[in-house]
Amino acid sequence: MAIPLGKRYVCAACGTQVLVTKSGEGTLVCCDKDMTLQEAKPLPSSD
């Protein structure tokens, strides 16, 4: 699985966050578990 550039990953166990600065193949692992892709925060509406 390719890790996309500019995405942020978070560890569910300890809360460590990683920002990907160089894409590549493989998986991100922390606390012996795969890290999950952090969802983007919604932007506030401008109405």
C-alpha atoms as a PDB file:
ATOM      1  CA  MET A   1       0.000   0.000   0.000  1.00  0.00           C
ATOM      2  CA  ALA A   2       1.371   3.394  -0.951  1.00  0.00           C
ATOM      3  CA  ILE A   3       1.549   6.056   1.742  1.00  0.00           C
ATOM      4  CA  PRO A   4       0.417   9.365   0.178  1.00  0.00           C
ATOM      5  CA  LEU A   5       2.416  12.559   0.605  1.00  0.00           C
ATOM      6  CA  GLY A   6       0.944  15.224   2.895  1.00  0.00           C
ATOM      7  CA  LYS A   7      -1.411  12.956   4.825  1.00  0.00           C
ATOM      8  CA  ARG A   8      -1.475  12.789   8.609  1.00  0.00           C
ATOM      9  CA  TYR A   9      -1.647   9.465  10.481  1.00  0.00           C
ATOM     10  CA  VAL A  10      -2.481   8.906  14.160  1.00  0.00           C
ATOM     11  CA  CYS A  11      -1.818   6.046  16.587  1.00  0.00           C
ATOM     12  CA  ALA A  12      -5.022   4.852  18.266  1.00  0.00           C
ATOM     13  CA  ALA A  13      -3.101   3.558  21.305  1.00  0.00           C
ATOM     14  CA  CYS A  14      -0.899   6.536  22.292  1.00  0.00           C
ATOM     15  CA  GLY A  15      -2.131   9.433  20.130  1.00  0.00           C
ATOM     16  CA  THR A  16       1.166  10.018  18.273  1.00  0.00           C
ATOM     17  CA  GLN A  17       0.627  11.912  15.002  1.00  0.00           C
ATOM     18  CA  VAL A  18       2.809  11.601  11.891  1.00  0.00           C
ATOM     19  CA  LEU A  19       2.823  13.908   8.868  1.00  0.00           C
ATOM     20  CA  VAL A  20       4.053  12.135   5.722  1.00  0.00           C
ATOM     21  CA  THR A  21       6.813  14.180   4.060  1.00  0.00           C
ATOM     22  CA  LYS A  22       7.965  11.503   1.605  1.00  0.00           C
ATOM     23  CA  SER A  23       5.580   9.025  -0.008  1.00  0.00           C
ATOM     24  CA  GLY A  24       6.447   5.373  -0.415  1.00  0.00           C
ATOM     25  CA  GLU A  25       5.353   1.772  -0.084  1.00  0.00           C
ATOM     26  CA  GLY A  26       4.609   0.104   3.236  1.00  0.00           C
ATOM     27  CA  THR A  27       2.634   0.798   6.392  1.00  0.00           C
ATOM     28  CA  LEU A  28       3.121   3.086   9.369  1.00  0.00           C
ATOM     29  CA  VAL A  29       3.287   1.228  12.694  1.00  0.00           C
ATOM     30  CA  CYS A  30       3.256   2.547  16.271  1.00  0.00           C
ATOM     31  CA  CYS A  31       2.716   0.566  19.501  1.00  0.00           C
ATOM     32  CA  ASP A  32       2.802  -2.650  17.400  1.00  0.00           C
ATOM     33  CA  LYS A  33      -0.392  -1.569  15.541  1.00  0.00           C
ATOM     34  CA  ASP A  34      -0.967   0.030  12.140  1.00  0.00           C
ATOM     35  CA  MET A  35      -1.549   3.779  12.288  1.00  0.00           C
ATOM     36  CA  THR A  36      -4.830   5.132  10.885  1.00  0.00           C
ATOM     37  CA  LEU A  37      -5.345   8.009   8.483  1.00  0.00           C
ATOM     38  CA  GLN A  38      -6.566  11.093  10.341  1.00  0.00           C
ATOM     39  CA  GLU A  39      -9.665  12.633   8.798  1.00  0.00           C
ATOM     40  CA  ALA A  40      -9.633  16.283   7.781  1.00  0.00           C
ATOM     41  CA  LYS A  41     -11.393  18.678  10.118  1.00  0.00           C
ATOM     42  CA  PRO A  42     -14.432  20.355   8.542  1.00  0.00           C
ATOM     43  CA  LEU A  43     -13.995  24.013   7.677  1.00  0.00           C
ATOM     44  CA  PRO A  44     -16.378  26.473   9.342  1.00  0.00           C
ATOM     45  CA  SER A  45     -19.150  27.728   7.121  1.00  0.00           C
ATOM     46  CA  SER A  46     -18.904  31.303   5.917  1.00  0.00           C
ATOM     47  CA  ASP A  47     -22.582  32.257   6.054  1.00  0.00           C
END
